[in-house]
Amino acid sequence: MKEIESKTKPACDFDLWVISVLGKDRPGIIRDLLEAPAKMMVNIVDLDQRILQGLFVMSMVADFGKATATPKELESRLQKLAVDLGVEFSFLPLEQYRGKRRGGKNLQVVTILARDRVGIIYDVASLAAKRGINIEKALVTARGELISIEFVMDFGAVDAEKLREELKTECEKLGLDVVMQDLDKSAKEKRLIVFDMDSTIVDFETINQMAQFVGVDREVEEITERAMNGELDFEEALRSRVRLLKGTPIGALEEIAKNIQLTPGSEELIHHLKQVGYKTALISGGFTYFTDILKERLGFDYTFANVLEIKGGVLTGEIEGEIIDAAAKGRIVNDLARLEGISPDSVVAVGDGANDCLMIQNAGLGVAFNAKDILKKVSDGSLSKENLIGLLNVLGLADKGAELL
């Protein structure tokens, strides 16, 4: 896609015409199309051009305020060239067709991710229309079974937060993942991405796996679930679970680490993020024993987690040092931003439970992954378990050497 925006003063609407072109793509076609307007002193003040399935599509806004020809004369000239150029033209006066909306604009980038099916774009457009949201732009990218649709939507002068929540809820009912960002904030380059570990990068809760070795898995899983839903204080829940693990041999941790199962798409995602220059971090309420292994395996730049106390080759049931809870996760996001010399708006955070709320809120873009409702409410959107790799689309990286699953 190529876009050109004029930096000159806006023209009178009556001087502005929309010229649309559809035809066969070939090298030099833009030059050939713009030659006649240039010679007739017609100023192109806006242009959007792209290739769709091998078809050349271009729309431009032409200012005839200082032109040496009328719109009709230029149209006549271009129509004579149409056959030779292999294209079709249409001319429309902008004033007659320009959409008008009351109040100021509130532009949001809304990214939809889903397994491809008929009617997805219609479904989202219907949700927007029902709420008076104007769709200003839509771009579809398909990779295998996964489809990504990026909309630029104008929420207008209404309660944007309420509309965001309604759209997230309705899209989830339709089985669609959705992430929403303010247009200005989305334009800021993202440089650092932080992940939770358990049930995000790793496809299980490591503490639950440890509990199986000492036969307390039922008790630990119950506490884990309540903590992730925000029903229990995280530090209290963590210390209670670790006490239940007292006496667990170090060999149990070694066995879990040997068979650690990554979430589908996580390895490819980290690989591509690092390829395009992102710094990556793992901020976990789990344990350093596993984050250290993942740092070596996946190449994380930073890892933070809790330290299990081990004496005589077994767990003592205690934790050494500071607990990595929700407050610590939120603080670490800010600390990393300062360390990297970037704004928190340039940070992306991905997590799944209540312990990730502050981490998500402190980042410029916060994504809930296969998450509990408590986290979805404070996030910019959510991705389901099979769509973690779709984060590349949300970040605008899907076409930078990344093959989506």
Foldseek 3Di string as FASTA:
>chain_A
DDKDADPDDDDDLQQKKKKKKKFADDPPLVVVLCPLCVVQVWDWHIKDWDADPRITIMMTITGCPPGNDHPVVSVVVVVVCCVVSGMDMDMGRCVVPPDDDPADWFKKKKKKKDFDDPDPVVQLVVLCVVLVKAWPDWDWDDFVRMIMIITIITNGPDDPLVSLVVSQVVCVVVVMWMFMAGPVLLPDAAAEEEEEPAVTFFVHHVLLQLCVVVVCNVVLVVLVVCVQQVNDALVVSVLVSLLSQAFRFLVSVVVCLVVTHTQPQNLLQLVLCVVVRHAYEYQYLAEPSNVVSCCVVRVHPYYHYWYFDDDPRGTRSDTDDDGRFLVNLLVVLVVVCVVVVHQLSSYEYEYAGPRCQSNQQSHNAYEHECHHPNNCSRGSIYDYRVCSNVVCVVSVNCPVPRRDD
